[in-house]
Amino acid sequence: MSATYTGAETGTPWIDLNFRILGSSNNVFGSASADSCGVIPNALRDTGELYPRGTSRGNVCVSVPAEQLPGANWIVEASFSGDDEVFVSLE
């Protein structure tokens, strides 16, 4: 994932954003307590705080059954408000 901070103060992508997968059967995967990805190389979690226009890149992992992947979408939303969900195709 790549995240650019567009706010006026500072932001931390791995805290401020929530990443989930909407599977092809309309099941949602990705609550932090349910995932078991193990060690994630170059994890977004390893990036720091961003100032305005700062960009961070890193990997995000969500455990999803293989049969749910065709036609699946990322769901990206603000962690604390739950507003403004953005859907991004995996394909």
PDB file of N, CA and C in Angstrom:
ATOM      1  N   MET A   1       0.839  -1.164   0.000  1.00  0.00           N
ATOM      2  CA  MET A   1       0.000   0.000   0.000  1.00  0.00           C
ATOM      3  C   MET A   1       0.890   1.235   0.000  1.00  0.00           C
ATOM      4  N   SER A   2       0.337   2.284  -0.565  1.00  0.00           N
ATOM      5  CA  SER A   2       0.991   3.580  -0.543  1.00  0.00           C
ATOM      6  C   SER A   2      -0.012   4.564   0.033  1.00  0.00           C
ATOM      7  N   ALA A   3       0.414   5.359   0.992  1.00  0.00           N
ATOM      8  CA  ALA A   3      -0.477   6.329   1.627  1.00  0.00           C
ATOM      9  C   ALA A   3       0.192   7.696   1.643  1.00  0.00           C
ATOM     10  N   THR A   4      -0.555   8.715   1.260  1.00  0.00           N
ATOM     11  CA  THR A   4      -0.073  10.098   1.318  1.00  0.00           C
ATOM     12  C   THR A   4      -0.961  10.867   2.274  1.00  0.00           C
ATOM     13  N   TYR A   5      -0.339  11.533   3.236  1.00  0.00           N
ATOM     14  CA  TYR A   5      -1.105  12.289   4.224  1.00  0.00           C
ATOM     15  C   TYR A   5      -1.529  13.630   3.632  1.00  0.00           C
ATOM     16  N   THR A   6      -2.835  13.898   3.631  1.00  0.00           N
ATOM     17  CA  THR A   6      -3.364  15.138   3.047  1.00  0.00           C
ATOM     18  C   THR A   6      -3.951  16.074   4.093  1.00  0.00           C
ATOM     19  N   GLY A   7      -3.799  15.738   5.366  1.00  0.00           N
ATOM     20  CA  GLY A   7      -4.334  16.587   6.426  1.00  0.00           C
ATOM     21  C   GLY A   7      -3.437  17.772   6.716  1.00  0.00           C
ATOM     22  N   ALA A   8      -3.816  18.535   7.736  1.00  0.00           N
ATOM     23  CA  ALA A   8      -3.089  19.756   8.075  1.00  0.00           C
ATOM     24  C   ALA A   8      -2.035  19.540   9.157  1.00  0.00           C
ATOM     25  N   GLU A   9      -2.138  18.464   9.938  1.00  0.00           N
ATOM     26  CA  GLU A   9      -1.184  18.256  11.037  1.00  0.00           C
ATOM     27  C   GLU A   9      -0.293  17.057  10.720  1.00  0.00           C
ATOM     28  N   THR A  10      -0.487  15.922  11.376  1.00  0.00           N
ATOM     29  CA  THR A  10       0.273  14.712  11.076  1.00  0.00           C
ATOM     30  C   THR A  10      -0.653  13.499  11.110  1.00  0.00           C
ATOM     31  N   GLY A  11      -0.198  12.421  10.508  1.00  0.00           N
ATOM     32  CA  GLY A  11      -0.960  11.176  10.516  1.00  0.00           C
ATOM     33  C   GLY A  11      -0.026   9.986  10.466  1.00  0.00           C
ATOM     34  N   THR A  12      -0.517   8.847  10.924  1.00  0.00           N
ATOM     35  CA  THR A  12       0.248   7.611  10.918  1.00  0.00           C
ATOM     36  C   THR A  12      -0.590   6.552  10.217  1.00  0.00           C
ATOM     37  N   PRO A  13      -0.217   6.155   8.987  1.00  0.00           N
ATOM     38  CA  PRO A  13      -1.079   5.302   8.178  1.00  0.00           C
ATOM     39  C   PRO A  13      -1.549   4.025   8.860  1.00  0.00           C
ATOM     40  N   TRP A  14      -0.665   3.296   9.527  1.00  0.00           N
ATOM     41  CA  TRP A  14      -1.068   2.007  10.093  1.00  0.00           C
ATOM     42  C   TRP A  14      -1.981   2.175  11.299  1.00  0.00           C
ATOM     43  N   ILE A  15      -2.044   3.357  11.862  1.00  0.00           N
ATOM     44  CA  ILE A  15      -2.985   3.630  12.956  1.00  0.00           C
ATOM     45  C   ILE A  15      -4.261   4.255  12.406  1.00  0.00           C
ATOM     46  N   ASP A  16      -4.122   5.190  11.484  1.00  0.00           N
ATOM     47  CA  ASP A  16      -5.256   5.983  11.001  1.00  0.00           C
ATOM     48  C   ASP A  16      -6.100   5.296   9.940  1.00  0.00           C
ATOM     49  N   LEU A  17      -5.580   4.245   9.321  1.00  0.00           N
ATOM     50  CA  LEU A  17      -6.323   3.559   8.251  1.00  0.00           C
ATOM     51  C   LEU A  17      -6.612   2.117   8.635  1.00  0.00           C
ATOM     52  N   ASN A  18      -7.756   1.635   8.201  1.00  0.00           N
ATOM     53  CA  ASN A  18      -8.163   0.258   8.422  1.00  0.00           C
ATOM     54  C   ASN A  18      -8.263  -0.417   7.052  1.00  0.00           C
ATOM     55  N   PHE A  19      -7.595  -1.564   6.890  1.00  0.00           N
ATOM     56  CA  PHE A  19      -7.580  -2.296   5.628  1.00  0.00           C
ATOM     57  C   PHE A  19      -8.308  -3.623   5.811  1.00  0.00           C
ATOM     58  N   ARG A  20      -9.288  -3.881   4.970  1.00  0.00           N
ATOM     59  CA  ARG A  20     -10.024  -5.143   4.991  1.00  0.00           C
ATOM     60  C   ARG A  20     -10.231  -5.604   3.554  1.00  0.00           C
ATOM     61  N   ILE A  21     -10.671  -6.836   3.401  1.00  0.00           N
ATOM     62  CA  ILE A  21     -10.998  -7.381   2.077  1.00  0.00           C
ATOM     63  C   ILE A  21     -12.473  -7.736   2.056  1.00  0.00           C
ATOM     64  N   LEU A  22     -13.157  -7.293   1.007  1.00  0.00           N
ATOM     65  CA  LEU A  22     -14.524  -7.718   0.742  1.00  0.00           C
ATOM     66  C   LEU A  22     -14.424  -8.858  -0.257  1.00  0.00           C
ATOM     67  N   GLY A  23     -14.682 -10.079   0.210  1.00  0.00           N
ATOM     68  CA  GLY A  23     -14.553 -11.255  -0.624  1.00  0.00           C
ATOM     69  C   GLY A  23     -15.654 -11.351  -1.666  1.00  0.00           C
ATOM     70  N   SER A  24     -15.468 -12.278  -2.601  1.00  0.00           N
ATOM     71  CA  SER A  24     -16.406 -12.426  -3.722  1.00  0.00           C
ATOM     72  C   SER A  24     -17.795 -12.875  -3.281  1.00  0.00           C
ATOM     73  N   SER A  25     -17.919 -13.430  -2.086  1.00  0.00           N
ATOM     74  CA  SER A  25     -19.240 -13.809  -1.562  1.00  0.00           C
ATOM     75  C   SER A  25     -19.779 -12.768  -0.596  1.00  0.00           C
ATOM     76  N   ASN A  26     -19.204 -11.546  -0.669  1.00  0.00           N
ATOM     77  CA  ASN A  26     -19.588 -10.415   0.184  1.00  0.00           C
ATOM     78  C   ASN A  26     -19.316 -10.652   1.661  1.00  0.00           C
ATOM     79  N   ASN A  27     -18.292 -11.467   1.960  1.00  0.00           N
ATOM     80  CA  ASN A  27     -17.797 -11.631   3.315  1.00  0.00           C
ATOM     81  C   ASN A  27     -16.645 -10.655   3.509  1.00  0.00           C
ATOM     82  N   VAL A  28     -16.526 -10.107   4.710  1.00  0.00           N
ATOM     83  CA  VAL A  28     -15.442  -9.166   5.000  1.00  0.00           C
ATOM     84  C   VAL A  28     -14.384  -9.865   5.850  1.00  0.00           C
ATOM     85  N   PHE A  29     -13.126  -9.693   5.462  1.00  0.00           N
ATOM     86  CA  PHE A  29     -11.993 -10.283   6.172  1.00  0.00           C
ATOM     87  C   PHE A  29     -11.019  -9.169   6.539  1.00  0.00           C
ATOM     88  N   GLY A  30     -10.395  -9.316   7.724  1.00  0.00           N
ATOM     89  CA  GLY A  30      -9.328  -8.388   8.030  1.00  0.00           C
ATOM     90  C   GLY A  30      -9.352  -7.724   9.381  1.00  0.00           C
ATOM     91  N   SER A  31     -10.205  -8.147  10.287  1.00  0.00           N
ATOM     92  CA  SER A  31     -10.108  -7.542  11.614  1.00  0.00           C
ATOM     93  C   SER A  31      -8.765  -7.956  12.199  1.00  0.00           C
ATOM     94  N   ALA A  32      -8.083  -7.036  12.824  1.00  0.00           N
ATOM     95  CA  ALA A  32      -6.715  -7.270  13.297  1.00  0.00           C
ATOM     96  C   ALA A  32      -6.629  -8.484  14.214  1.00  0.00           C
ATOM     97  N   SER A  33      -7.638  -8.735  15.020  1.00  0.00           N
ATOM     98  CA  SER A  33      -7.575  -9.854  15.952  1.00  0.00           C
ATOM     99  C   SER A  33      -7.743 -11.197  15.256  1.00  0.00           C
ATOM    100  N   ALA A  34      -8.330 -11.214  14.067  1.00  0.00           N
ATOM    101  CA  ALA A  34      -8.613 -12.477  13.369  1.00  0.00           C
ATOM    102  C   ALA A  34      -7.537 -12.869  12.369  1.00  0.00           C
ATOM    103  N   ASP A  35      -6.664 -11.959  11.978  1.00  0.00           N
ATOM    104  CA  ASP A  35      -5.663 -12.264  10.961  1.00  0.00           C
ATOM    105  C   ASP A  35      -4.474 -12.994  11.563  1.00  0.00           C
ATOM    106  N   SER A  36      -3.898 -13.876  10.788  1.00  0.00           N
ATOM    107  CA  SER A  36      -2.708 -14.603  11.222  1.00  0.00           C
ATOM    108  C   SER A  36      -1.690 -14.626  10.077  1.00  0.00           C
ATOM    109  N   CYS A  37      -1.167 -13.461   9.757  1.00  0.00           N
ATOM    110  CA  CYS A  37      -0.250 -13.346   8.630  1.00  0.00           C
ATOM    111  C   CYS A  37       1.194 -13.636   9.004  1.00  0.00           C
ATOM    112  N   GLY A  38       1.514 -13.648  10.263  1.00  0.00           N
ATOM    113  CA  GLY A  38       2.906 -13.843  10.663  1.00  0.00           C
ATOM    114  C   GLY A  38       3.718 -12.583  10.404  1.00  0.00           C
ATOM    115  N   VAL A  39       4.984 -12.757  10.095  1.00  0.00           N
ATOM    116  CA  VAL A  39       5.877 -11.628   9.834  1.00  0.00           C
ATOM    117  C   VAL A  39       5.600 -11.098   8.425  1.00  0.00           C
ATOM    118  N   ILE A  40       5.407  -9.800   8.316  1.00  0.00           N
ATOM    119  CA  ILE A  40       5.120  -9.154   7.034  1.00  0.00           C
ATOM    120  C   ILE A  40       6.357  -8.347   6.626  1.00  0.00           C
ATOM    121  N   PRO A  41       7.032  -8.723   5.540  1.00  0.00           N
ATOM    122  CA  PRO A  41       8.208  -7.950   5.119  1.00  0.00           C
ATOM    123  C   PRO A  41       7.811  -6.557   4.647  1.00  0.00           C
ATOM    124  N   ASN A  42       8.615  -5.577   4.988  1.00  0.00           N
ATOM    125  CA  ASN A  42       8.377  -4.183   4.585  1.00  0.00           C
ATOM    126  C   ASN A  42       6.954  -3.743   4.943  1.00  0.00           C
ATOM    127  N   ALA A  43       6.542  -4.022   6.149  1.00  0.00           N
ATOM    128  CA  ALA A  43       5.172  -3.746   6.589  1.00  0.00           C
ATOM    129  C   ALA A  43       4.890  -2.247   6.688  1.00  0.00           C
ATOM    130  N   LEU A  44       3.675  -1.868   6.322  1.00  0.00           N
ATOM    131  CA  LEU A  44       3.243  -0.481   6.481  1.00  0.00           C
ATOM    132  C   LEU A  44       3.348  -0.084   7.948  1.00  0.00           C
ATOM    133  N   ARG A  45       3.160  -1.047   8.837  1.00  0.00           N
ATOM    134  CA  ARG A  45       3.256  -0.812  10.281  1.00  0.00           C
ATOM    135  C   ARG A  45       4.645  -0.307  10.687  1.00  0.00           C
ATOM    136  N   ASP A  46       5.655  -0.595   9.880  1.00  0.00           N
ATOM    137  CA  ASP A  46       7.025  -0.183  10.201  1.00  0.00           C
ATOM    138  C   ASP A  46       7.329   1.247   9.763  1.00  0.00           C
ATOM    139  N   THR A  47       6.371   1.905   9.124  1.00  0.00           N
ATOM    140  CA  THR A  47       6.587   3.293   8.710  1.00  0.00           C
ATOM    141  C   THR A  47       6.137   4.224   9.823  1.00  0.00           C
ATOM    142  N   GLY A  48       6.608   5.416   9.799  1.00  0.00           N
ATOM    143  CA  GLY A  48       6.331   6.340  10.885  1.00  0.00           C
ATOM    144  C   GLY A  48       5.273   7.385  10.569  1.00  0.00           C
ATOM    145  N   GLU A  49       5.280   8.398  11.371  1.00  0.00           N
ATOM    146  CA  GLU A  49       4.345   9.521  11.274  1.00  0.00           C
ATOM    147  C   GLU A  49       4.635  10.333  10.010  1.00  0.00           C
ATOM    148  N   LEU A  50       3.588  10.826   9.395  1.00  0.00           N
ATOM    149  CA  LEU A  50       3.726  11.630   8.177  1.00  0.00           C
ATOM    150  C   LEU A  50       3.255  13.057   8.426  1.00  0.00           C
ATOM    151  N   TYR A  51       3.954  13.995   7.850  1.00  0.00           N
ATOM    152  CA  TYR A  51       3.526  15.387   7.841  1.00  0.00           C
ATOM    153  C   TYR A  51       2.795  15.645   6.526  1.00  0.00           C
ATOM    154  N   PRO A  52       2.134  16.808   6.372  1.00  0.00           N
ATOM    155  CA  PRO A  52       1.380  17.069   5.140  1.00  0.00           C
ATOM    156  C   PRO A  52       2.197  16.769   3.872  1.00  0.00           C
ATOM    157  N   ARG A  53       1.558  16.031   2.962  1.00  0.00           N
ATOM    158  CA  ARG A  53       2.105  15.599   1.680  1.00  0.00           C
ATOM    159  C   ARG A  53       3.173  14.514   1.816  1.00  0.00           C
ATOM    160  N   GLY A  54       3.380  14.003   3.036  1.00  0.00           N
ATOM    161  CA  GLY A  54       4.320  12.902   3.229  1.00  0.00           C
ATOM    162  C   GLY A  54       3.715  11.598   2.731  1.00  0.00           C
ATOM    163  N   THR A  55       4.544  10.738   2.152  1.00  0.00           N
ATOM    164  CA  THR A  55       4.083   9.464   1.609  1.00  0.00           C
ATOM    165  C   THR A  55       4.808   8.316   2.285  1.00  0.00           C
ATOM    166  N   SER A  56       4.063   7.260   2.511  1.00  0.00           N
ATOM    167  CA  SER A  56       4.605   6.061   3.117  1.00  0.00           C
ATOM    168  C   SER A  56       4.196   4.860   2.278  1.00  0.00           C
ATOM    169  N   ARG A  57       5.077   3.881   2.161  1.00  0.00           N
ATOM    170  CA  ARG A  57       4.775   2.656   1.411  1.00  0.00           C
ATOM    171  C   ARG A  57       5.102   1.455   2.286  1.00  0.00           C
ATOM    172  N   GLY A  58       4.259   0.433   2.195  1.00  0.00           N
ATOM    173  CA  GLY A  58       4.518  -0.790   2.942  1.00  0.00           C
ATOM    174  C   GLY A  58       3.470  -1.842   2.632  1.00  0.00           C
ATOM    175  N   ASN A  59       3.751  -3.056   3.041  1.00  0.00           N
ATOM    176  CA  ASN A  59       2.844  -4.170   2.806  1.00  0.00           C
ATOM    177  C   ASN A  59       1.802  -4.286   3.909  1.00  0.00           C
ATOM    178  N   VAL A  60       0.613  -4.707   3.513  1.00  0.00           N
ATOM    179  CA  VAL A  60      -0.498  -4.968   4.423  1.00  0.00           C
ATOM    180  C   VAL A  60      -0.968  -6.385   4.120  1.00  0.00           C
ATOM    181  N   CYS A  61      -1.268  -7.151   5.146  1.00  0.00           N
ATOM    182  CA  CYS A  61      -1.703  -8.526   4.931  1.00  0.00           C
ATOM    183  C   CYS A  61      -3.079  -8.748   5.543  1.00  0.00           C
ATOM    184  N   VAL A  62      -3.925  -9.435   4.791  1.00  0.00           N
ATOM    185  CA  VAL A  62      -5.236  -9.869   5.267  1.00  0.00           C
ATOM    186  C   VAL A  62      -5.386 -11.330   4.856  1.00  0.00           C
ATOM    187  N   SER A  63      -5.720 -12.198   5.801  1.00  0.00           N
ATOM    188  CA  SER A  63      -5.935 -13.618   5.512  1.00  0.00           C
ATOM    189  C   SER A  63      -7.317 -13.805   4.907  1.00  0.00           C
ATOM    190  N   VAL A  64      -7.354 -14.378   3.689  1.00  0.00           N
ATOM    191  CA  VAL A  64      -8.608 -14.559   2.949  1.00  0.00           C
ATOM    192  C   VAL A  64      -8.600 -15.956   2.324  1.00  0.00           C
ATOM    193  N   PRO A  65      -9.696 -16.708   2.446  1.00  0.00           N
ATOM    194  CA  PRO A  65      -9.754 -18.000   1.747  1.00  0.00           C
ATOM    195  C   PRO A  65      -9.620 -17.795   0.241  1.00  0.00           C
ATOM    196  N   ALA A  66      -8.870 -18.664  -0.428  1.00  0.00           N
ATOM    197  CA  ALA A  66      -8.585 -18.521  -1.852  1.00  0.00           C
ATOM    198  C   ALA A  66      -9.848 -18.400  -2.693  1.00  0.00           C
ATOM    199  N   GLU A  67     -10.904 -19.121  -2.337  1.00  0.00           N
ATOM    200  CA  GLU A  67     -12.128 -19.067  -3.143  1.00  0.00           C
ATOM    201  C   GLU A  67     -12.831 -17.714  -3.051  1.00  0.00           C
ATOM    202  N   GLN A  68     -12.451 -16.862  -2.103  1.00  0.00           N
ATOM    203  CA  GLN A  68     -13.047 -15.532  -1.957  1.00  0.00           C
ATOM    204  C   GLN A  68     -12.300 -14.469  -2.764  1.00  0.00           C
ATOM    205  N   LEU A  69     -11.147 -14.803  -3.344  1.00  0.00           N
ATOM    206  CA  LEU A  69     -10.322 -13.799  -4.022  1.00  0.00           C
ATOM    207  C   LEU A  69     -10.806 -13.346  -5.400  1.00  0.00           C
ATOM    208  N   PRO A  70     -11.344 -14.226  -6.252  1.00  0.00           N
ATOM    209  CA  PRO A  70     -11.815 -13.724  -7.552  1.00  0.00           C
ATOM    210  C   PRO A  70     -12.915 -12.668  -7.370  1.00  0.00           C
ATOM    211  N   GLY A  71     -12.676 -11.478  -7.868  1.00  0.00           N
ATOM    212  CA  GLY A  71     -13.651 -10.397  -7.742  1.00  0.00           C
ATOM    213  C   GLY A  71     -13.617  -9.670  -6.408  1.00  0.00           C
ATOM    214  N   ALA A  72     -12.633  -9.976  -5.558  1.00  0.00           N
ATOM    215  CA  ALA A  72     -12.544  -9.330  -4.240  1.00  0.00           C
ATOM    216  C   ALA A  72     -12.060  -7.889  -4.358  1.00  0.00           C
ATOM    217  N   ASN A  73     -12.316  -7.102  -3.315  1.00  0.00           N
ATOM    218  CA  ASN A  73     -11.916  -5.694  -3.257  1.00  0.00           C
ATOM    219  C   ASN A  73     -11.299  -5.375  -1.903  1.00  0.00           C
ATOM    220  N   TRP A  74     -10.300  -4.498  -1.909  1.00  0.00           N
ATOM    221  CA  TRP A  74      -9.822  -3.902  -0.662  1.00  0.00           C
ATOM    222  C   TRP A  74     -10.876  -2.915  -0.180  1.00  0.00           C
ATOM    223  N   ILE A  75     -11.072  -2.836   1.113  1.00  0.00           N
ATOM    224  CA  ILE A  75     -11.855  -1.763   1.735  1.00  0.00           C
ATOM    225  C   ILE A  75     -10.856  -0.968   2.572  1.00  0.00           C
ATOM    226  N   VAL A  76     -10.719   0.314   2.300  1.00  0.00           N
ATOM    227  CA  VAL A  76      -9.834   1.185   3.067  1.00  0.00           C
ATOM    228  C   VAL A  76     -10.702   2.269   3.674  1.00  0.00           C
ATOM    229  N   GLU A  77     -10.574   2.472   4.988  1.00  0.00           N
ATOM    230  CA  GLU A  77     -11.376   3.489   5.669  1.00  0.00           C
ATOM    231  C   GLU A  77     -10.587   4.074   6.836  1.00  0.00           C
ATOM    232  N   ALA A  78     -11.038   5.217   7.314  1.00  0.00           N
ATOM    233  CA  ALA A  78     -10.435   5.828   8.494  1.00  0.00           C
ATOM    234  C   ALA A  78     -10.710   4.933   9.696  1.00  0.00           C
ATOM    235  N   SER A  79      -9.695   4.654  10.499  1.00  0.00           N
ATOM    236  CA  SER A  79      -9.821   3.721  11.618  1.00  0.00           C
ATOM    237  C   SER A  79     -10.822   4.158  12.671  1.00  0.00           C
ATOM    238  N   PHE A  80     -10.866   5.424  12.986  1.00  0.00           N
ATOM    239  CA  PHE A  80     -11.650   5.853  14.131  1.00  0.00           C
ATOM    240  C   PHE A  80     -13.022   6.407  13.787  1.00  0.00           C
ATOM    241  N   SER A  81     -13.229   6.824  12.552  1.00  0.00           N
ATOM    242  CA  SER A  81     -14.530   7.387  12.212  1.00  0.00           C
ATOM    243  C   SER A  81     -15.413   6.399  11.464  1.00  0.00           C
ATOM    244  N   GLY A  82     -14.810   5.456  10.732  1.00  0.00           N
ATOM    245  CA  GLY A  82     -15.581   4.500   9.953  1.00  0.00           C
ATOM    246  C   GLY A  82     -16.278   5.138   8.764  1.00  0.00           C
ATOM    247  N   ASP A  83     -15.938   6.379   8.475  1.00  0.00           N
ATOM    248  CA  ASP A  83     -16.537   7.095   7.339  1.00  0.00           C
ATOM    249  C   ASP A  83     -15.666   6.936   6.105  1.00  0.00           C
ATOM    250  N   ASP A  84     -16.260   7.252   4.963  1.00  0.00           N
ATOM    251  CA  ASP A  84     -15.514   7.339   3.714  1.00  0.00           C
ATOM    252  C   ASP A  84     -14.785   6.056   3.340  1.00  0.00           C
ATOM    253  N   GLU A  85     -15.517   4.949   3.288  1.00  0.00           N
ATOM    254  CA  GLU A  85     -14.929   3.711   2.798  1.00  0.00           C
ATOM    255  C   GLU A  85     -14.572   3.883   1.329  1.00  0.00           C
ATOM    256  N   VAL A  86     -13.402   3.377   0.954  1.00  0.00           N
ATOM    257  CA  VAL A  86     -12.973   3.364  -0.428  1.00  0.00           C
ATOM    258  C   VAL A  86     -12.766   1.902  -0.814  1.00  0.00           C
ATOM    259  N   PHE A  87     -13.308   1.500  -1.953  1.00  0.00           N
ATOM    260  CA  PHE A  87     -13.168   0.135  -2.441  1.00  0.00           C
ATOM    261  C   PHE A  87     -12.200   0.124  -3.614  1.00  0.00           C
ATOM    262  N   VAL A  88     -11.225  -0.794  -3.562  1.00  0.00           N
ATOM    263  CA  VAL A  88     -10.215  -0.898  -4.609  1.00  0.00           C
ATOM    264  C   VAL A  88     -10.143  -2.355  -5.051  1.00  0.00           C
ATOM    265  N   SER A  89     -10.276  -2.600  -6.346  1.00  0.00           N
ATOM    266  CA  SER A  89     -10.257  -3.955  -6.879  1.00  0.00           C
ATOM    267  C   SER A  89      -8.886  -4.598  -6.694  1.00  0.00           C
ATOM    268  N   LEU A  90      -8.877  -5.897  -6.392  1.00  0.00           N
ATOM    269  CA  LEU A  90      -7.623  -6.644  -6.316  1.00  0.00           C
ATOM    270  C   LEU A  90      -7.086  -6.973  -7.703  1.00  0.00           C
ATOM    271  N   GLU A  91      -7.904  -6.904  -8.718  1.00  0.00           N
ATOM    272  CA  GLU A  91      -7.482  -7.279 -10.068  1.00  0.00           C
ATOM    273  C   GLU A  91      -6.896  -6.113 -10.817  1.00  0.00           C
TER     274      GLU A  91
END
